Amino acid sequence: DEIRALFLDDPTVKLRTREVGVISTEAAKKLCLVGPTARASGVPIDTRQDHAYSAYADLGVKAITPDQLTGKVVGDVYDRIVVRLLEVKQSIDLIERAIAALPEGPLLAEPKIAKLLALLKKAEGEAVARVEAPRGENMHYVRMKAGDESLEAWKIRAPTYANLQSVKTMLVGQQIADVPIALASLDPCMSCTNRAVVVDGHSNADSTLNGEQLHALSVEKTRRLRSELARQ
């Protein structure tokens, strides 16, 4: 509760995140967003809820949306903070309930690792599996040939691949100073993203900003808003 109050009741946080990086419910559905990003836009999807696997069918997971706390869905950075904070509490509750319900007995169905590996080497066929990762639905496809312990094919659809489709939707028309927090609110898993190209929609002129410059603009706006709050 203290952490929630620290983030959600701070007036500066609200000013910096409300109506920033908005992704509407309609846009989230159209772009097939997943995980906290989709839920923050009011789309109640969660692989643990919709296609329960392992112990989740017994734990009864329910997708969390921001209106459960705030009474409305905006789909902005603030709502994405709300969802992640509520999901921290939800995760702790799930862990505690899972431990409490853990039956007695061996932890491994096959305690002999060598035997398990031998069985895997004989395996043949293909399979698709999906789980709810911290960033959303994570899908893996594998194909194996009998007698070959290496995978013949392995394809991954990570949640960031889906969620990055929302960047254009939430950044067009935003202030450059808001770009860092808007992108961070997606919690993207990506490399080589230390630059951004800003294009003027009127003249088509572009300029390049590095990570330090983006950070400086964001900090400058935060300080300005705090000064305005202090004068009120």
C-alpha atoms as a PDB file:
ATOM      1  CA  ASP A   1       0.000   0.000   0.000  1.00  0.00           C
ATOM      2  CA  GLU A   2       2.885   2.380   0.739  1.00  0.00           C
ATOM      3  CA  ILE A   3       4.462   1.724  -2.656  1.00  0.00           C
ATOM      4  CA  ARG A   4       1.096   2.159  -4.363  1.00  0.00           C
ATOM      5  CA  ALA A   5       0.538   5.483  -2.612  1.00  0.00           C
ATOM      6  CA  LEU A   6       4.071   6.603  -3.482  1.00  0.00           C
ATOM      7  CA  PHE A   7       3.401   6.162  -7.198  1.00  0.00           C
ATOM      8  CA  LEU A   8      -0.305   6.817  -7.575  1.00  0.00           C
ATOM      9  CA  ASP A   9      -0.914   9.659  -5.132  1.00  0.00           C
ATOM     10  CA  ASP A  10       2.078  11.787  -6.079  1.00  0.00           C
ATOM     11  CA  PRO A  11       0.734  14.825  -8.007  1.00  0.00           C
ATOM     12  CA  THR A  12       3.898  15.077 -10.118  1.00  0.00           C
ATOM     13  CA  VAL A  13       3.581  11.450 -11.219  1.00  0.00           C
ATOM     14  CA  LYS A  14      -0.025  12.075 -12.235  1.00  0.00           C
ATOM     15  CA  LEU A  15       0.895  15.189 -14.205  1.00  0.00           C
ATOM     16  CA  ARG A  16       3.700  13.349 -16.011  1.00  0.00           C
ATOM     17  CA  THR A  17       1.678  10.233 -16.835  1.00  0.00           C
ATOM     18  CA  ARG A  18      -2.017  11.113 -17.205  1.00  0.00           C
ATOM     19  CA  GLU A  19      -3.071  11.500 -20.863  1.00  0.00           C
ATOM     20  CA  VAL A  20       0.472  10.576 -21.940  1.00  0.00           C
ATOM     21  CA  GLY A  21       1.048   7.699 -24.367  1.00  0.00           C
ATOM     22  CA  VAL A  22      -2.636   6.848 -24.680  1.00  0.00           C
ATOM     23  CA  ILE A  23      -3.646   3.542 -26.286  1.00  0.00           C
ATOM     24  CA  SER A  24      -7.416   3.222 -26.533  1.00  0.00           C
ATOM     25  CA  THR A  25      -9.250  -0.045 -25.920  1.00  0.00           C
ATOM     26  CA  GLU A  26     -10.158  -0.192 -29.602  1.00  0.00           C
ATOM     27  CA  ALA A  27      -6.538   0.338 -30.669  1.00  0.00           C
ATOM     28  CA  ALA A  28      -5.276  -2.298 -28.211  1.00  0.00           C
ATOM     29  CA  LYS A  29      -7.673  -4.863 -29.667  1.00  0.00           C
ATOM     30  CA  LYS A  30      -6.904  -3.910 -33.267  1.00  0.00           C
ATOM     31  CA  LEU A  31      -3.145  -4.158 -32.687  1.00  0.00           C
ATOM     32  CA  CYS A  32      -3.510  -7.447 -30.753  1.00  0.00           C
ATOM     33  CA  LEU A  33      -1.565  -6.118 -27.772  1.00  0.00           C
ATOM     34  CA  VAL A  34      -0.852  -8.465 -24.886  1.00  0.00           C
ATOM     35  CA  GLY A  35      -0.085  -8.494 -21.175  1.00  0.00           C
ATOM     36  CA  PRO A  36      -0.165  -5.444 -18.895  1.00  0.00           C
ATOM     37  CA  THR A  37      -0.088  -3.150 -21.933  1.00  0.00           C
ATOM     38  CA  ALA A  38      -3.380  -4.562 -23.231  1.00  0.00           C
ATOM     39  CA  ARG A  39      -4.957  -4.799 -19.786  1.00  0.00           C
ATOM     40  CA  ALA A  40      -4.071  -1.167 -19.032  1.00  0.00           C
ATOM     41  CA  SER A  41      -6.142  -0.238 -22.088  1.00  0.00           C
ATOM     42  CA  GLY A  42      -9.136  -2.110 -20.712  1.00  0.00           C
ATOM     43  CA  VAL A  43      -8.700  -5.424 -22.557  1.00  0.00           C
ATOM     44  CA  PRO A  44      -9.145  -8.151 -19.882  1.00  0.00           C
ATOM     45  CA  ILE A  45      -6.898 -10.815 -21.417  1.00  0.00           C
ATOM     46  CA  ASP A  46      -4.454 -13.049 -19.561  1.00  0.00           C
ATOM     47  CA  THR A  47      -3.208 -16.430 -20.760  1.00  0.00           C
ATOM     48  CA  ARG A  48      -3.429 -17.749 -17.199  1.00  0.00           C
ATOM     49  CA  GLN A  49      -7.123 -16.835 -17.215  1.00  0.00           C
ATOM     50  CA  ASP A  50      -8.147 -17.556 -20.818  1.00  0.00           C
ATOM     51  CA  HIS A  51      -6.101 -20.724 -21.380  1.00  0.00           C
ATOM     52  CA  ALA A  52      -5.164 -21.796 -17.865  1.00  0.00           C
ATOM     53  CA  TYR A  53      -2.118 -24.060 -17.672  1.00  0.00           C
ATOM     54  CA  SER A  54      -0.213 -25.786 -14.847  1.00  0.00           C
ATOM     55  CA  ALA A  55      -1.651 -24.748 -11.471  1.00  0.00           C
ATOM     56  CA  TYR A  56      -3.361 -21.592 -12.731  1.00  0.00           C
ATOM     57  CA  ALA A  57      -6.608 -23.470 -13.408  1.00  0.00           C
ATOM     58  CA  ASP A  58      -6.812 -24.146  -9.664  1.00  0.00           C
ATOM     59  CA  LEU A  59      -5.747 -20.645  -8.617  1.00  0.00           C
ATOM     60  CA  GLY A  60      -8.413 -18.810 -10.606  1.00  0.00           C
ATOM     61  CA  VAL A  61      -6.423 -15.918 -12.092  1.00  0.00           C
ATOM     62  CA  LYS A  62      -8.444 -12.876 -13.164  1.00  0.00           C
ATOM     63  CA  ALA A  63      -7.137 -10.211 -15.547  1.00  0.00           C
ATOM     64  CA  ILE A  64      -6.491  -6.850 -13.879  1.00  0.00           C
ATOM     65  CA  THR A  65      -7.607  -3.611 -15.544  1.00  0.00           C
ATOM     66  CA  PRO A  66      -7.104  -0.056 -14.198  1.00  0.00           C
ATOM     67  CA  ASP A  67     -10.798   0.633 -13.642  1.00  0.00           C
ATOM     68  CA  GLN A  68     -10.716  -1.881 -10.785  1.00  0.00           C
ATOM     69  CA  LEU A  69      -8.822   0.781  -8.817  1.00  0.00           C
ATOM     70  CA  THR A  70      -9.570   4.109 -10.507  1.00  0.00           C
ATOM     71  CA  GLY A  71     -13.081   3.462 -11.805  1.00  0.00           C
ATOM     72  CA  LYS A  72     -12.166   4.263 -15.422  1.00  0.00           C
ATOM     73  CA  VAL A  73      -9.876   3.278 -18.288  1.00  0.00           C
ATOM     74  CA  VAL A  74      -7.763   5.901 -20.046  1.00  0.00           C
ATOM     75  CA  GLY A  75      -5.075   3.612 -21.465  1.00  0.00           C
ATOM     76  CA  ASP A  76      -2.236   6.014 -20.669  1.00  0.00           C
ATOM     77  CA  VAL A  77       1.088   5.660 -18.856  1.00  0.00           C
ATOM     78  CA  TYR A  78      -0.661   6.169 -15.505  1.00  0.00           C
ATOM     79  CA  ASP A  79      -2.995   3.238 -16.187  1.00  0.00           C
ATOM     80  CA  ARG A  80      -0.032   1.044 -17.101  1.00  0.00           C
ATOM     81  CA  ILE A  81       1.545   1.929 -13.747  1.00  0.00           C
ATOM     82  CA  VAL A  82      -1.728   1.071 -11.985  1.00  0.00           C
ATOM     83  CA  VAL A  83      -1.949  -2.347 -13.631  1.00  0.00           C
ATOM     84  CA  ARG A  84       1.650  -3.286 -12.872  1.00  0.00           C
ATOM     85  CA  LEU A  85       1.364  -2.242  -9.237  1.00  0.00           C
ATOM     86  CA  LEU A  86      -1.831  -4.254  -8.795  1.00  0.00           C
ATOM     87  CA  GLU A  87      -0.213  -7.225 -10.522  1.00  0.00           C
ATOM     88  CA  VAL A  88       2.690  -7.206  -8.061  1.00  0.00           C
ATOM     89  CA  LYS A  89       0.170  -7.740  -5.266  1.00  0.00           C
ATOM     90  CA  GLN A  90      -1.650 -10.347  -7.359  1.00  0.00           C
ATOM     91  CA  SER A  91       1.601 -12.248  -7.996  1.00  0.00           C
ATOM     92  CA  ILE A  92       2.445 -12.334  -4.294  1.00  0.00           C
ATOM     93  CA  ASP A  93      -1.041 -13.674  -3.550  1.00  0.00           C
ATOM     94  CA  LEU A  94      -0.723 -16.368  -6.232  1.00  0.00           C
ATOM     95  CA  ILE A  95       2.667 -17.490  -4.912  1.00  0.00           C
ATOM     96  CA  GLU A  96       1.402 -17.696  -1.335  1.00  0.00           C
ATOM     97  CA  ARG A  97      -1.681 -19.691  -2.359  1.00  0.00           C
ATOM     98  CA  ALA A  98       0.348 -22.016  -4.589  1.00  0.00           C
ATOM     99  CA  ILE A  99       2.806 -22.767  -1.783  1.00  0.00           C
ATOM    100  CA  ALA A 100      -0.040 -23.367   0.668  1.00  0.00           C
ATOM    101  CA  ALA A 101      -1.678 -25.832  -1.744  1.00  0.00           C
ATOM    102  CA  LEU A 102       1.556 -27.632  -2.670  1.00  0.00           C
ATOM    103  CA  PRO A 103       1.028 -31.373  -1.994  1.00  0.00           C
ATOM    104  CA  GLU A 104       3.510 -33.517  -0.132  1.00  0.00           C
ATOM    105  CA  GLY A 105       5.775 -35.906  -2.004  1.00  0.00           C
ATOM    106  CA  PRO A 106       8.530 -35.796  -4.643  1.00  0.00           C
ATOM    107  CA  LEU A 107       9.013 -32.549  -6.530  1.00  0.00           C
ATOM    108  CA  LEU A 108      10.130 -34.265  -9.760  1.00  0.00           C
ATOM    109  CA  ALA A 109       7.897 -36.646 -11.714  1.00  0.00           C
ATOM    110  CA  GLU A 110      11.065 -38.302 -13.039  1.00  0.00           C
ATOM    111  CA  PRO A 111      13.892 -37.974 -10.493  1.00  0.00           C
ATOM    112  CA  LYS A 112      16.459 -39.649 -12.787  1.00  0.00           C
ATOM    113  CA  ILE A 113      17.671 -36.845 -15.054  1.00  0.00           C
ATOM    114  CA  ALA A 114      19.610 -39.228 -17.327  1.00  0.00           C
ATOM    115  CA  LYS A 115      16.433 -41.203 -17.996  1.00  0.00           C
ATOM    116  CA  LEU A 116      14.511 -38.009 -18.734  1.00  0.00           C
ATOM    117  CA  LEU A 117      17.158 -36.849 -21.218  1.00  0.00           C
ATOM    118  CA  ALA A 118      17.089 -40.237 -22.944  1.00  0.00           C
ATOM    119  CA  LEU A 119      13.327 -39.940 -23.383  1.00  0.00           C
ATOM    120  CA  LEU A 120      13.690 -36.455 -24.823  1.00  0.00           C
ATOM    121  CA  LYS A 121      16.224 -37.678 -27.392  1.00  0.00           C
ATOM    122  CA  LYS A 122      13.642 -40.195 -28.644  1.00  0.00           C
ATOM    123  CA  ALA A 123      10.877 -37.606 -28.839  1.00  0.00           C
ATOM    124  CA  GLU A 124       9.445 -36.731 -32.254  1.00  0.00           C
ATOM    125  CA  GLY A 125       6.801 -34.290 -33.435  1.00  0.00           C
ATOM    126  CA  GLU A 126       5.883 -30.648 -33.040  1.00  0.00           C
ATOM    127  CA  ALA A 127       4.150 -28.554 -30.411  1.00  0.00           C
ATOM    128  CA  VAL A 128       3.008 -25.021 -29.640  1.00  0.00           C
ATOM    129  CA  ALA A 129       2.840 -23.653 -26.112  1.00  0.00           C
ATOM    130  CA  ARG A 130       2.057 -20.267 -24.634  1.00  0.00           C
ATOM    131  CA  VAL A 131       2.458 -18.809 -21.181  1.00  0.00           C
ATOM    132  CA  GLU A 132       1.792 -15.450 -19.564  1.00  0.00           C
ATOM    133  CA  ALA A 133       5.217 -13.840 -19.231  1.00  0.00           C
ATOM    134  CA  PRO A 134       5.704 -10.567 -17.279  1.00  0.00           C
ATOM    135  CA  ARG A 135       5.180  -8.593 -20.505  1.00  0.00           C
ATOM    136  CA  GLY A 136       2.319 -10.732 -21.827  1.00  0.00           C
ATOM    137  CA  GLU A 137       1.596 -13.827 -23.886  1.00  0.00           C
ATOM    138  CA  ASN A 138       4.796 -15.655 -24.863  1.00  0.00           C
ATOM    139  CA  MET A 139       4.485 -18.327 -27.565  1.00  0.00           C
ATOM    140  CA  HIS A 140       6.970 -21.035 -28.561  1.00  0.00           C
ATOM    141  CA  TYR A 141       6.808 -23.509 -31.439  1.00  0.00           C
ATOM    142  CA  VAL A 142       9.190 -26.490 -31.531  1.00  0.00           C
ATOM    143  CA  ARG A 143       9.725 -29.421 -33.898  1.00  0.00           C
ATOM    144  CA  MET A 144      11.907 -32.453 -33.165  1.00  0.00           C
ATOM    145  CA  LYS A 145      13.106 -35.544 -35.052  1.00  0.00           C
ATOM    146  CA  ALA A 146      13.563 -38.851 -33.286  1.00  0.00           C
ATOM    147  CA  GLY A 147      17.175 -39.623 -32.509  1.00  0.00           C
ATOM    148  CA  ASP A 148      18.293 -36.014 -32.851  1.00  0.00           C
ATOM    149  CA  GLU A 149      18.610 -34.193 -29.543  1.00  0.00           C
ATOM    150  CA  SER A 150      18.850 -30.796 -31.242  1.00  0.00           C
ATOM    151  CA  LEU A 151      15.676 -28.971 -32.257  1.00  0.00           C
ATOM    152  CA  GLU A 152      14.772 -29.117 -35.936  1.00  0.00           C
ATOM    153  CA  ALA A 153      12.806 -25.859 -35.607  1.00  0.00           C
ATOM    154  CA  TRP A 154      12.160 -23.360 -32.838  1.00  0.00           C
ATOM    155  CA  LYS A 155      10.092 -20.211 -33.324  1.00  0.00           C
ATOM    156  CA  ILE A 156       9.325 -17.634 -30.629  1.00  0.00           C
ATOM    157  CA  ARG A 157       6.715 -14.878 -30.537  1.00  0.00           C
ATOM    158  CA  ALA A 158       7.686 -12.779 -27.514  1.00  0.00           C
ATOM    159  CA  PRO A 159       5.214 -10.230 -26.087  1.00  0.00           C
ATOM    160  CA  THR A 160       7.349  -7.219 -27.015  1.00  0.00           C
ATOM    161  CA  TYR A 161       6.949  -8.154 -30.696  1.00  0.00           C
ATOM    162  CA  ALA A 162       3.199  -7.585 -30.337  1.00  0.00           C
ATOM    163  CA  ASN A 163       3.325  -4.570 -28.033  1.00  0.00           C
ATOM    164  CA  LEU A 164       5.794  -2.553 -30.107  1.00  0.00           C
ATOM    165  CA  GLN A 165       3.050  -2.178 -32.718  1.00  0.00           C
ATOM    166  CA  SER A 166       1.484   0.415 -30.397  1.00  0.00           C
ATOM    167  CA  VAL A 167       4.409   2.862 -30.521  1.00  0.00           C
ATOM    168  CA  LYS A 168       3.058   4.879 -33.439  1.00  0.00           C
ATOM    169  CA  THR A 169      -0.418   5.029 -31.910  1.00  0.00           C
ATOM    170  CA  MET A 170       0.730   6.346 -28.549  1.00  0.00           C
ATOM    171  CA  LEU A 171       3.556   8.677 -29.628  1.00  0.00           C
ATOM    172  CA  VAL A 172       2.100  10.675 -32.521  1.00  0.00           C
ATOM    173  CA  GLY A 173       1.377  14.196 -31.283  1.00  0.00           C
ATOM    174  CA  GLN A 174       3.174  13.714 -27.956  1.00  0.00           C
ATOM    175  CA  GLN A 175       5.854  16.029 -26.601  1.00  0.00           C
ATOM    176  CA  ILE A 176       9.402  14.728 -27.109  1.00  0.00           C
ATOM    177  CA  ALA A 177       9.922  14.993 -23.340  1.00  0.00           C
ATOM    178  CA  ASP A 178       7.180  12.385 -22.866  1.00  0.00           C
ATOM    179  CA  VAL A 179       8.694   9.820 -25.245  1.00  0.00           C
ATOM    180  CA  PRO A 180      11.033   8.160 -22.670  1.00  0.00           C
ATOM    181  CA  ILE A 181       8.307   7.475 -20.101  1.00  0.00           C
ATOM    182  CA  ALA A 182       5.797   6.431 -22.760  1.00  0.00           C
ATOM    183  CA  LEU A 183       8.204   3.863 -24.200  1.00  0.00           C
ATOM    184  CA  ALA A 184       9.314   2.719 -20.746  1.00  0.00           C
ATOM    185  CA  SER A 185       5.677   2.092 -19.812  1.00  0.00           C
ATOM    186  CA  LEU A 186       5.640  -0.723 -22.389  1.00  0.00           C
ATOM    187  CA  ASP A 187       8.613  -2.332 -20.617  1.00  0.00           C
ATOM    188  CA  PRO A 188      10.087  -3.274 -24.023  1.00  0.00           C
ATOM    189  CA  CYS A 189      12.699  -6.008 -24.274  1.00  0.00           C
ATOM    190  CA  MET A 190      14.888  -4.781 -27.117  1.00  0.00           C
ATOM    191  CA  SER A 191      18.482  -3.904 -27.901  1.00  0.00           C
ATOM    192  CA  CYS A 192      20.150  -1.161 -29.910  1.00  0.00           C
ATOM    193  CA  THR A 193      17.526   1.471 -29.100  1.00  0.00           C
ATOM    194  CA  ASN A 194      19.730   4.303 -27.908  1.00  0.00           C
ATOM    195  CA  ARG A 195      18.556   6.673 -30.642  1.00  0.00           C
ATOM    196  CA  ALA A 196      15.265   8.113 -31.870  1.00  0.00           C
ATOM    197  CA  VAL A 197      14.486   9.998 -35.075  1.00  0.00           C
ATOM    198  CA  VAL A 198      12.046  12.892 -34.701  1.00  0.00           C
ATOM    199  CA  VAL A 199      10.197  13.784 -37.911  1.00  0.00           C
ATOM    200  CA  ASP A 200       8.389  17.108 -38.339  1.00  0.00           C
ATOM    201  CA  GLY A 201       4.997  16.200 -39.792  1.00  0.00           C
ATOM    202  CA  HIS A 202       4.780  19.525 -41.615  1.00  0.00           C
ATOM    203  CA  SER A 203       8.197  19.812 -43.233  1.00  0.00           C
ATOM    204  CA  ASN A 204       9.277  16.139 -43.106  1.00  0.00           C
ATOM    205  CA  ALA A 205      12.585  17.353 -41.672  1.00  0.00           C
ATOM    206  CA  ASP A 206      14.130  14.965 -39.159  1.00  0.00           C
ATOM    207  CA  SER A 207      16.681  15.179 -36.380  1.00  0.00           C
ATOM    208  CA  THR A 208      18.305  12.497 -34.256  1.00  0.00           C
ATOM    209  CA  LEU A 209      18.219  12.445 -30.450  1.00  0.00           C
ATOM    210  CA  ASN A 210      20.293  10.028 -28.392  1.00  0.00           C
ATOM    211  CA  GLY A 211      19.281   8.500 -25.071  1.00  0.00           C
ATOM    212  CA  GLU A 212      20.955  11.202 -22.991  1.00  0.00           C
ATOM    213  CA  GLN A 213      19.127  13.976 -24.840  1.00  0.00           C
ATOM    214  CA  LEU A 214      15.759  12.258 -24.471  1.00  0.00           C
ATOM    215  CA  HIS A 215      16.401  11.764 -20.759  1.00  0.00           C
ATOM    216  CA  ALA A 216      17.380  15.417 -20.327  1.00  0.00           C
ATOM    217  CA  LEU A 217      14.161  16.614 -21.977  1.00  0.00           C
ATOM    218  CA  SER A 218      12.092  14.321 -19.762  1.00  0.00           C
ATOM    219  CA  VAL A 219      13.824  15.507 -16.568  1.00  0.00           C
ATOM    220  CA  GLU A 220      13.421  19.133 -17.628  1.00  0.00           C
ATOM    221  CA  LYS A 221       9.656  18.716 -18.043  1.00  0.00           C
ATOM    222  CA  THR A 222       9.328  16.983 -14.657  1.00  0.00           C
ATOM    223  CA  ARG A 223      11.167  19.830 -12.916  1.00  0.00           C
ATOM    224  CA  ARG A 224       9.003  22.403 -14.678  1.00  0.00           C
ATOM    225  CA  LEU A 225       5.790  20.679 -13.586  1.00  0.00           C
ATOM    226  CA  ARG A 226       7.036  20.438  -9.993  1.00  0.00           C
ATOM    227  CA  SER A 227       7.791  24.168  -9.998  1.00  0.00           C
ATOM    228  CA  GLU A 228       4.295  24.902 -11.285  1.00  0.00           C
ATOM    229  CA  LEU A 229       2.786  22.711  -8.552  1.00  0.00           C
ATOM    230  CA  ALA A 230       4.818  24.503  -5.870  1.00  0.00           C
ATOM    231  CA  ARG A 231       3.457  27.868  -7.013  1.00  0.00           C
ATOM    232  CA  GLN A 232      -0.167  26.729  -6.770  1.00  0.00           C
END
